[in-house]
Amino acid sequence: MAIDEGTLTKGQLRKLTALRRSVGDKLGEEVFLKWLAQQAATAAPKADPVARKIEEALAGFANDRSFNLGVYGYSIRRARGKGATGFVATKNTKRA
């Protein structure tokens, strides 16, 4: 089976040529197609549950024109120190 090399990424092309060189053209292509099918089946990224909760918490501000996150946004992290609870949000600024 012929493989359309124009649709492959640079890393996939490297893998294909390495397999062709090590085990031969025909067997290398067979192995590559099996590897590519396996990669496509496991490529679905998992959704980040924390990011989803932050999106849900901020969903109420989606149409609020006075709520502005700015150009560089904000960083959210847990509060640190003795007796500190909750979260701290700091505004990101452009570094010179």
PDB file of N, CA and C in Angstrom:
ATOM      1  N   MET A   1       0.849  -1.175   0.000  1.00  0.00           N
ATOM      2  CA  MET A   1       0.000   0.000   0.000  1.00  0.00           C
ATOM      3  C   MET A   1       0.895   1.239   0.000  1.00  0.00           C
ATOM      4  N   ALA A   2       0.578   2.178  -0.860  1.00  0.00           N
ATOM      5  CA  ALA A   2       1.368   3.403  -0.955  1.00  0.00           C
ATOM      6  C   ALA A   2       0.921   4.388   0.122  1.00  0.00           C
ATOM      7  N   ILE A   3       1.882   5.034   0.722  1.00  0.00           N
ATOM      8  CA  ILE A   3       1.608   6.013   1.777  1.00  0.00           C
ATOM      9  C   ILE A   3       1.778   7.398   1.176  1.00  0.00           C
ATOM     10  N   ASP A   4       0.769   8.271   1.391  1.00  0.00           N
ATOM     11  CA  ASP A   4       0.861   9.656   0.914  1.00  0.00           C
ATOM     12  C   ASP A   4       1.738  10.426   1.888  1.00  0.00           C
ATOM     13  N   GLU A   5       2.978  10.639   1.504  1.00  0.00           N
ATOM     14  CA  GLU A   5       3.936  11.283   2.395  1.00  0.00           C
ATOM     15  C   GLU A   5       3.690  12.781   2.547  1.00  0.00           C
ATOM     16  N   GLY A   6       2.876  13.374   1.674  1.00  0.00           N
ATOM     17  CA  GLY A   6       2.575  14.797   1.770  1.00  0.00           C
ATOM     18  C   GLY A   6       1.691  15.147   2.946  1.00  0.00           C
ATOM     19  N   THR A   7       0.951  14.179   3.457  1.00  0.00           N
ATOM     20  CA  THR A   7       0.050  14.442   4.577  1.00  0.00           C
ATOM     21  C   THR A   7       0.690  14.146   5.927  1.00  0.00           C
ATOM     22  N   LEU A   8       1.890  13.586   5.921  1.00  0.00           N
ATOM     23  CA  LEU A   8       2.553  13.227   7.176  1.00  0.00           C
ATOM     24  C   LEU A   8       3.318  14.407   7.758  1.00  0.00           C
ATOM     25  N   THR A   9       3.448  14.398   9.079  1.00  0.00           N
ATOM     26  CA  THR A   9       4.241  15.427   9.747  1.00  0.00           C
ATOM     27  C   THR A   9       5.721  15.073   9.621  1.00  0.00           C
ATOM     28  N   LYS A  10       6.565  16.002  10.029  1.00  0.00           N
ATOM     29  CA  LYS A  10       8.012  15.785   9.941  1.00  0.00           C
ATOM     30  C   LYS A  10       8.449  14.587  10.792  1.00  0.00           C
ATOM     31  N   GLY A  11       7.910  14.471  11.969  1.00  0.00           N
ATOM     32  CA  GLY A  11       8.251  13.364  12.847  1.00  0.00           C
ATOM     33  C   GLY A  11       7.780  12.031  12.293  1.00  0.00           C
ATOM     34  N   GLN A  12       6.588  12.020  11.683  1.00  0.00           N
ATOM     35  CA  GLN A  12       6.079  10.794  11.083  1.00  0.00           C
ATOM     36  C   GLN A  12       6.930  10.372   9.889  1.00  0.00           C
ATOM     37  N   LEU A  13       7.381  11.351   9.101  1.00  0.00           N
ATOM     38  CA  LEU A  13       8.262  11.033   7.977  1.00  0.00           C
ATOM     39  C   LEU A  13       9.582  10.437   8.462  1.00  0.00           C
ATOM     40  N   ARG A  14      10.115  10.975   9.527  1.00  0.00           N
ATOM     41  CA  ARG A  14      11.356  10.440  10.089  1.00  0.00           C
ATOM     42  C   ARG A  14      11.160   9.001  10.557  1.00  0.00           C
ATOM     43  N   LYS A  15      10.030   8.737  11.194  1.00  0.00           N
ATOM     44  CA  LYS A  15       9.727   7.385  11.664  1.00  0.00           C
ATOM     45  C   LYS A  15       9.608   6.436  10.478  1.00  0.00           C
ATOM     46  N   LEU A  16       8.934   6.862   9.414  1.00  0.00           N
ATOM     47  CA  LEU A  16       8.752   6.032   8.236  1.00  0.00           C
ATOM     48  C   LEU A  16      10.084   5.702   7.571  1.00  0.00           C
ATOM     49  N   THR A  17      10.937   6.706   7.393  1.00  0.00           N
ATOM     50  CA  THR A  17      12.229   6.445   6.760  1.00  0.00           C
ATOM     51  C   THR A  17      13.117   5.566   7.646  1.00  0.00           C
ATOM     52  N   ALA A  18      13.047   5.742   8.938  1.00  0.00           N
ATOM     53  CA  ALA A  18      13.832   4.908   9.847  1.00  0.00           C
ATOM     54  C   ALA A  18      13.378   3.445   9.768  1.00  0.00           C
ATOM     55  N   LEU A  19      12.065   3.243   9.708  1.00  0.00           N
ATOM     56  CA  LEU A  19      11.554   1.877   9.600  1.00  0.00           C
ATOM     57  C   LEU A  19      11.914   1.262   8.255  1.00  0.00           C
ATOM     58  N   ARG A  20      11.824   2.042   7.189  1.00  0.00           N
ATOM     59  CA  ARG A  20      12.186   1.537   5.864  1.00  0.00           C
ATOM     60  C   ARG A  20      13.654   1.125   5.819  1.00  0.00           C
ATOM     61  N   ARG A  21      14.500   1.913   6.443  1.00  0.00           N
ATOM     62  CA  ARG A  21      15.933   1.606   6.433  1.00  0.00           C
ATOM     63  C   ARG A  21      16.253   0.381   7.286  1.00  0.00           C
ATOM     64  N   SER A  22      15.535   0.226   8.401  1.00  0.00           N
ATOM     65  CA  SER A  22      15.894  -0.852   9.316  1.00  0.00           C
ATOM     66  C   SER A  22      15.340  -2.205   8.882  1.00  0.00           C
ATOM     67  N   VAL A  23      14.105  -2.262   8.391  1.00  0.00           N
ATOM     68  CA  VAL A  23      13.511  -3.570   8.071  1.00  0.00           C
ATOM     69  C   VAL A  23      13.107  -3.707   6.604  1.00  0.00           C
ATOM     70  N   GLY A  24      13.373  -2.719   5.790  1.00  0.00           N
ATOM     71  CA  GLY A  24      13.016  -2.799   4.381  1.00  0.00           C
ATOM     72  C   GLY A  24      11.778  -1.990   4.067  1.00  0.00           C
ATOM     73  N   ASP A  25      11.593  -1.709   2.771  1.00  0.00           N
ATOM     74  CA  ASP A  25      10.491  -0.829   2.359  1.00  0.00           C
ATOM     75  C   ASP A  25       9.117  -1.420   2.654  1.00  0.00           C
ATOM     76  N   LYS A  26       8.871  -2.648   2.208  1.00  0.00           N
ATOM     77  CA  LYS A  26       7.541  -3.242   2.335  1.00  0.00           C
ATOM     78  C   LYS A  26       7.149  -3.456   3.797  1.00  0.00           C
ATOM     79  N   LEU A  27       8.014  -4.087   4.548  1.00  0.00           N
ATOM     80  CA  LEU A  27       7.723  -4.357   5.953  1.00  0.00           C
ATOM     81  C   LEU A  27       7.697  -3.065   6.774  1.00  0.00           C
ATOM     82  N   GLY A  28       8.559  -2.124   6.426  1.00  0.00           N
ATOM     83  CA  GLY A  28       8.582  -0.843   7.125  1.00  0.00           C
ATOM     84  C   GLY A  28       7.286  -0.075   6.963  1.00  0.00           C
ATOM     85  N   GLU A  29       6.715  -0.119   5.757  1.00  0.00           N
ATOM     86  CA  GLU A  29       5.434   0.564   5.534  1.00  0.00           C
ATOM     87  C   GLU A  29       4.299  -0.109   6.287  1.00  0.00           C
ATOM     88  N   GLU A  30       4.318  -1.453   6.340  1.00  0.00           N
ATOM     89  CA  GLU A  30       3.284  -2.170   7.098  1.00  0.00           C
ATOM     90  C   GLU A  30       3.343  -1.809   8.581  1.00  0.00           C
ATOM     91  N   VAL A  31       4.543  -1.817   9.125  1.00  0.00           N
ATOM     92  CA  VAL A  31       4.719  -1.488  10.542  1.00  0.00           C
ATOM     93  C   VAL A  31       4.319  -0.036  10.799  1.00  0.00           C
ATOM     94  N   PHE A  32       4.689   0.852   9.878  1.00  0.00           N
ATOM     95  CA  PHE A  32       4.355   2.266  10.044  1.00  0.00           C
ATOM     96  C   PHE A  32       2.847   2.474  10.041  1.00  0.00           C
ATOM     97  N   LEU A  33       2.127   1.795   9.143  1.00  0.00           N
ATOM     98  CA  LEU A  33       0.669   1.952   9.093  1.00  0.00           C
ATOM     99  C   LEU A  33       0.014   1.449  10.378  1.00  0.00           C
ATOM    100  N   LYS A  34       0.527   0.356  10.931  1.00  0.00           N
ATOM    101  CA  LYS A  34      -0.011  -0.132  12.207  1.00  0.00           C
ATOM    102  C   LYS A  34       0.277   0.863  13.323  1.00  0.00           C
ATOM    103  N   TRP A  35       1.495   1.415  13.338  1.00  0.00           N
ATOM    104  CA  TRP A  35       1.866   2.399  14.351  1.00  0.00           C
ATOM    105  C   TRP A  35       1.017   3.657  14.218  1.00  0.00           C
ATOM    106  N   LEU A  36       0.784   4.106  12.975  1.00  0.00           N
ATOM    107  CA  LEU A  36      -0.012   5.313  12.737  1.00  0.00           C
ATOM    108  C   LEU A  36      -1.455   5.118  13.179  1.00  0.00           C
ATOM    109  N   ALA A  37      -2.023   3.939  12.936  1.00  0.00           N
ATOM    110  CA  ALA A  37      -3.393   3.655  13.375  1.00  0.00           C
ATOM    111  C   ALA A  37      -3.484   3.655  14.895  1.00  0.00           C
ATOM    112  N   GLN A  38      -2.464   3.124  15.550  1.00  0.00           N
ATOM    113  CA  GLN A  38      -2.441   3.105  17.010  1.00  0.00           C
ATOM    114  C   GLN A  38      -2.313   4.516  17.572  1.00  0.00           C
ATOM    115  N   GLN A  39      -1.531   5.368  16.928  1.00  0.00           N
ATOM    116  CA  GLN A  39      -1.361   6.746  17.382  1.00  0.00           C
ATOM    117  C   GLN A  39      -2.659   7.526  17.237  1.00  0.00           C
ATOM    118  N   ALA A  40      -3.399   7.303  16.167  1.00  0.00           N
ATOM    119  CA  ALA A  40      -4.656   8.010  15.943  1.00  0.00           C
ATOM    120  C   ALA A  40      -5.700   7.605  16.979  1.00  0.00           C
ATOM    121  N   ALA A  41      -5.664   6.352  17.418  1.00  0.00           N
ATOM    122  CA  ALA A  41      -6.643   5.875  18.392  1.00  0.00           C
ATOM    123  C   ALA A  41      -6.384   6.445  19.784  1.00  0.00           C
ATOM    124  N   THR A  42      -5.126   6.738  20.111  1.00  0.00           N
ATOM    125  CA  THR A  42      -4.801   7.207  21.454  1.00  0.00           C
ATOM    126  C   THR A  42      -4.516   8.703  21.501  1.00  0.00           C
ATOM    127  N   ALA A  43      -4.818   9.448  20.444  1.00  0.00           N
ATOM    128  CA  ALA A  43      -4.430  10.848  20.370  1.00  0.00           C
ATOM    129  C   ALA A  43      -5.424  11.802  21.025  1.00  0.00           C
ATOM    130  N   ALA A  44      -6.565  11.317  21.483  1.00  0.00           N
ATOM    131  CA  ALA A  44      -7.568  12.202  22.068  1.00  0.00           C
ATOM    132  C   ALA A  44      -7.088  12.717  23.423  1.00  0.00           C
ATOM    133  N   PRO A  45      -6.869  14.048  23.538  1.00  0.00           N
ATOM    134  CA  PRO A  45      -6.420  14.588  24.828  1.00  0.00           C
ATOM    135  C   PRO A  45      -7.560  14.633  25.841  1.00  0.00           C
ATOM    136  N   LYS A  46      -7.208  14.431  27.085  1.00  0.00           N
ATOM    137  CA  LYS A  46      -8.200  14.485  28.148  1.00  0.00           C
ATOM    138  C   LYS A  46      -8.446  15.944  28.532  1.00  0.00           C
ATOM    139  N   ALA A  47      -9.686  16.254  28.830  1.00  0.00           N
ATOM    140  CA  ALA A  47     -10.034  17.597  29.252  1.00  0.00           C
ATOM    141  C   ALA A  47      -9.530  17.828  30.674  1.00  0.00           C
ATOM    142  N   ASP A  48      -8.974  19.009  30.918  1.00  0.00           N
ATOM    143  CA  ASP A  48      -8.457  19.345  32.230  1.00  0.00           C
ATOM    144  C   ASP A  48      -9.624  19.705  33.140  1.00  0.00           C
ATOM    145  N   PRO A  49      -9.865  18.967  34.224  1.00  0.00           N
ATOM    146  CA  PRO A  49     -11.014  19.243  35.077  1.00  0.00           C
ATOM    147  C   PRO A  49     -10.915  20.587  35.801  1.00  0.00           C
ATOM    148  N   VAL A  50      -9.707  21.011  36.154  1.00  0.00           N
ATOM    149  CA  VAL A  50      -9.545  22.293  36.844  1.00  0.00           C
ATOM    150  C   VAL A  50      -9.862  23.444  35.891  1.00  0.00           C
ATOM    151  N   ALA A  51      -9.367  23.356  34.661  1.00  0.00           N
ATOM    152  CA  ALA A  51      -9.645  24.397  33.677  1.00  0.00           C
ATOM    153  C   ALA A  51     -11.140  24.474  33.388  1.00  0.00           C
ATOM    154  N   ARG A  52     -11.794  23.332  33.353  1.00  0.00           N
ATOM    155  CA  ARG A  52     -13.245  23.317  33.115  1.00  0.00           C
ATOM    156  C   ARG A  52     -13.984  24.016  34.256  1.00  0.00           C
ATOM    157  N   LYS A  53     -13.554  23.798  35.505  1.00  0.00           N
ATOM    158  CA  LYS A  53     -14.203  24.444  36.651  1.00  0.00           C
ATOM    159  C   LYS A  53     -13.989  25.952  36.625  1.00  0.00           C
ATOM    160  N   ILE A  54     -12.794  26.395  36.212  1.00  0.00           N
ATOM    161  CA  ILE A  54     -12.527  27.834  36.105  1.00  0.00           C
ATOM    162  C   ILE A  54     -13.411  28.442  35.017  1.00  0.00           C
ATOM    163  N   GLU A  55     -13.557  27.751  33.899  1.00  0.00           N
ATOM    164  CA  GLU A  55     -14.422  28.241  32.822  1.00  0.00           C
ATOM    165  C   GLU A  55     -15.872  28.353  33.287  1.00  0.00           C
ATOM    166  N   GLU A  56     -16.333  27.355  34.046  1.00  0.00           N
ATOM    167  CA  GLU A  56     -17.697  27.385  34.563  1.00  0.00           C
ATOM    168  C   GLU A  56     -17.882  28.544  35.541  1.00  0.00           C
ATOM    169  N   ALA A  57     -16.864  28.814  36.365  1.00  0.00           N
ATOM    170  CA  ALA A  57     -16.964  29.900  37.344  1.00  0.00           C
ATOM    171  C   ALA A  57     -16.994  31.261  36.662  1.00  0.00           C
ATOM    172  N   LEU A  58     -16.281  31.405  35.544  1.00  0.00           N
ATOM    173  CA  LEU A  58     -16.228  32.684  34.830  1.00  0.00           C
ATOM    174  C   LEU A  58     -17.292  32.815  33.752  1.00  0.00           C
ATOM    175  N   ALA A  59     -18.110  31.785  33.537  1.00  0.00           N
ATOM    176  CA  ALA A  59     -19.108  31.814  32.470  1.00  0.00           C
ATOM    177  C   ALA A  59     -20.137  32.937  32.671  1.00  0.00           C
ATOM    178  N   GLY A  60     -20.405  33.292  33.897  1.00  0.00           N
ATOM    179  CA  GLY A  60     -21.365  34.358  34.168  1.00  0.00           C
ATOM    180  C   GLY A  60     -20.885  35.729  33.716  1.00  0.00           C
ATOM    181  N   PHE A  61     -19.590  35.890  33.511  1.00  0.00           N
ATOM    182  CA  PHE A  61     -19.032  37.168  33.093  1.00  0.00           C
ATOM    183  C   PHE A  61     -18.817  37.260  31.582  1.00  0.00           C
ATOM    184  N   ALA A  62     -19.295  36.294  30.825  1.00  0.00           N
ATOM    185  CA  ALA A  62     -19.051  36.240  29.384  1.00  0.00           C
ATOM    186  C   ALA A  62     -19.609  37.464  28.657  1.00  0.00           C
ATOM    187  N   ASN A  63     -20.764  37.953  29.050  1.00  0.00           N
ATOM    188  CA  ASN A  63     -21.389  39.096  28.382  1.00  0.00           C
ATOM    189  C   ASN A  63     -21.252  40.395  29.154  1.00  0.00           C
ATOM    190  N   ASP A  64     -20.514  40.379  30.253  1.00  0.00           N
ATOM    191  CA  ASP A  64     -20.319  41.568  31.077  1.00  0.00           C
ATOM    192  C   ASP A  64     -19.184  42.411  30.488  1.00  0.00           C
ATOM    193  N   ARG A  65     -19.500  43.569  29.937  1.00  0.00           N
ATOM    194  CA  ARG A  65     -18.508  44.420  29.279  1.00  0.00           C
ATOM    195  C   ARG A  65     -17.561  45.093  30.269  1.00  0.00           C
ATOM    196  N   SER A  66     -17.931  45.189  31.540  1.00  0.00           N
ATOM    197  CA  SER A  66     -17.064  45.823  32.522  1.00  0.00           C
ATOM    198  C   SER A  66     -16.016  44.851  33.069  1.00  0.00           C
ATOM    199  N   PHE A  67     -16.171  43.570  32.808  1.00  0.00           N
ATOM    200  CA  PHE A  67     -15.221  42.550  33.255  1.00  0.00           C
ATOM    201  C   PHE A  67     -14.173  42.381  32.162  1.00  0.00           C
ATOM    202  N   ASN A  68     -12.958  42.910  32.412  1.00  0.00           N
ATOM    203  CA  ASN A  68     -11.894  42.908  31.410  1.00  0.00           C
ATOM    204  C   ASN A  68     -10.672  42.224  31.988  1.00  0.00           C
ATOM    205  N   LEU A  69     -10.195  41.194  31.316  1.00  0.00           N
ATOM    206  CA  LEU A  69      -9.005  40.471  31.781  1.00  0.00           C
ATOM    207  C   LEU A  69      -7.716  41.085  31.273  1.00  0.00           C
ATOM    208  N   GLY A  70      -7.789  42.073  30.402  1.00  0.00           N
ATOM    209  CA  GLY A  70      -6.605  42.753  29.910  1.00  0.00           C
ATOM    210  C   GLY A  70      -5.890  41.965  28.824  1.00  0.00           C
ATOM    211  N   VAL A  71      -4.819  42.541  28.312  1.00  0.00           N
ATOM    212  CA  VAL A  71      -4.067  41.938  27.214  1.00  0.00           C
ATOM    213  C   VAL A  71      -3.293  40.713  27.681  1.00  0.00           C
ATOM    214  N   TYR A  72      -2.665  40.779  28.838  1.00  0.00           N
ATOM    215  CA  TYR A  72      -1.804  39.710  29.317  1.00  0.00           C
ATOM    216  C   TYR A  72      -2.493  38.782  30.304  1.00  0.00           C
ATOM    217  N   GLY A  73      -3.713  39.076  30.726  1.00  0.00           N
ATOM    218  CA  GLY A  73      -4.478  38.210  31.600  1.00  0.00           C
ATOM    219  C   GLY A  73      -4.008  38.206  33.036  1.00  0.00           C
ATOM    220  N   TYR A  74      -4.413  37.194  33.762  1.00  0.00           N
ATOM    221  CA  TYR A  74      -4.097  37.050  35.175  1.00  0.00           C
ATOM    222  C   TYR A  74      -3.581  35.645  35.447  1.00  0.00           C
ATOM    223  N   SER A  75      -2.786  35.511  36.491  1.00  0.00           N
ATOM    224  CA  SER A  75      -2.330  34.201  36.958  1.00  0.00           C
ATOM    225  C   SER A  75      -3.015  33.913  38.280  1.00  0.00           C
ATOM    226  N   ILE A  76      -3.527  32.703  38.420  1.00  0.00           N
ATOM    227  CA  ILE A  76      -4.218  32.304  39.639  1.00  0.00           C
ATOM    228  C   ILE A  76      -3.418  31.173  40.282  1.00  0.00           C
ATOM    229  N   ARG A  77      -3.140  31.329  41.586  1.00  0.00           N
ATOM    230  CA  ARG A  77      -2.423  30.279  42.300  1.00  0.00           C
ATOM    231  C   ARG A  77      -2.929  30.243  43.733  1.00  0.00           C
ATOM    232  N   ARG A  78      -2.575  29.188  44.413  1.00  0.00           N
ATOM    233  CA  ARG A  78      -2.993  29.048  45.808  1.00  0.00           C
ATOM    234  C   ARG A  78      -2.232  30.034  46.690  1.00  0.00           C
ATOM    235  N   ALA A  79      -2.910  30.503  47.716  1.00  0.00           N
ATOM    236  CA  ALA A  79      -2.273  31.420  48.661  1.00  0.00           C
ATOM    237  C   ALA A  79      -1.226  30.667  49.471  1.00  0.00           C
ATOM    238  N   ARG A  80      -0.119  31.340  49.773  1.00  0.00           N
ATOM    239  CA  ARG A  80       0.970  30.724  50.530  1.00  0.00           C
ATOM    240  C   ARG A  80       1.203  31.509  51.813  1.00  0.00           C
ATOM    241  N   GLY A  81       1.747  30.833  52.793  1.00  0.00           N
ATOM    242  CA  GLY A  81       2.069  31.498  54.054  1.00  0.00           C
ATOM    243  C   GLY A  81       1.294  30.895  55.203  1.00  0.00           C
ATOM    244  N   LYS A  82       1.646  31.363  56.390  1.00  0.00           N
ATOM    245  CA  LYS A  82       1.021  30.835  57.598  1.00  0.00           C
ATOM    246  C   LYS A  82      -0.438  31.274  57.671  1.00  0.00           C
ATOM    247  N   GLY A  83      -1.312  30.307  57.744  1.00  0.00           N
ATOM    248  CA  GLY A  83      -2.731  30.591  57.877  1.00  0.00           C
ATOM    249  C   GLY A  83      -3.390  31.088  56.605  1.00  0.00           C
ATOM    250  N   ALA A  84      -2.695  31.047  55.482  1.00  0.00           N
ATOM    251  CA  ALA A  84      -3.265  31.535  54.231  1.00  0.00           C
ATOM    252  C   ALA A  84      -4.206  30.497  53.644  1.00  0.00           C
ATOM    253  N   THR A  85      -5.349  30.958  53.210  1.00  0.00           N
ATOM    254  CA  THR A  85      -6.312  30.081  52.550  1.00  0.00           C
ATOM    255  C   THR A  85      -6.810  30.761  51.295  1.00  0.00           C
ATOM    256  N   GLY A  86      -7.331  29.985  50.398  1.00  0.00           N
ATOM    257  CA  GLY A  86      -7.910  30.556  49.187  1.00  0.00           C
ATOM    258  C   GLY A  86      -6.901  30.669  48.060  1.00  0.00           C
ATOM    259  N   PHE A  87      -7.159  31.636  47.178  1.00  0.00           N
ATOM    260  CA  PHE A  87      -6.346  31.818  45.985  1.00  0.00           C
ATOM    261  C   PHE A  87      -5.892  33.267  45.868  1.00  0.00           C
ATOM    262  N   VAL A  88      -4.816  33.476  45.109  1.00  0.00           N
ATOM    263  CA  VAL A  88      -4.291  34.812  44.848  1.00  0.00           C
ATOM    264  C   VAL A  88      -4.260  35.000  43.340  1.00  0.00           C
ATOM    265  N   ALA A  89      -4.838  36.100  42.864  1.00  0.00           N
ATOM    266  CA  ALA A  89      -4.806  36.413  41.442  1.00  0.00           C
ATOM    267  C   ALA A  89      -3.890  37.610  41.237  1.00  0.00           C
ATOM    268  N   THR A  90      -2.921  37.464  40.369  1.00  0.00           N
ATOM    269  CA  THR A  90      -1.998  38.557  40.059  1.00  0.00           C
ATOM    270  C   THR A  90      -2.096  38.895  38.583  1.00  0.00           C
ATOM    271  N   LYS A  91      -2.040  40.185  38.281  1.00  0.00           N
ATOM    272  CA  LYS A  91      -2.130  40.630  36.907  1.00  0.00           C
ATOM    273  C   LYS A  91      -0.782  40.415  36.205  1.00  0.00           C
ATOM    274  N   ASN A  92      -0.820  39.808  35.028  1.00  0.00           N
ATOM    275  CA  ASN A  92       0.391  39.598  34.236  1.00  0.00           C
ATOM    276  C   ASN A  92       0.730  40.878  33.491  1.00  0.00           C
ATOM    277  N   THR A  93       2.000  41.275  33.514  1.00  0.00           N
ATOM    278  CA  THR A  93       2.428  42.473  32.808  1.00  0.00           C
ATOM    279  C   THR A  93       3.498  42.121  31.793  1.00  0.00           C
ATOM    280  N   LYS A  94       3.708  42.987  30.870  1.00  0.00           N
ATOM    281  CA  LYS A  94       4.721  42.782  29.838  1.00  0.00           C
ATOM    282  C   LYS A  94       6.091  42.956  30.455  1.00  0.00           C
ATOM    283  N   ARG A  95       6.976  41.999  30.190  1.00  0.00           N
ATOM    284  CA  ARG A  95       8.342  42.086  30.706  1.00  0.00           C
ATOM    285  C   ARG A  95       9.213  42.774  29.675  1.00  0.00           C
ATOM    286  N   ALA A  96      10.091  43.622  30.166  1.00  0.00           N
ATOM    287  CA  ALA A  96      10.956  44.369  29.253  1.00  0.00           C
ATOM    288  C   ALA A  96      12.176  43.602  28.857  1.00  0.00           C
TER     289      ALA A  96
END
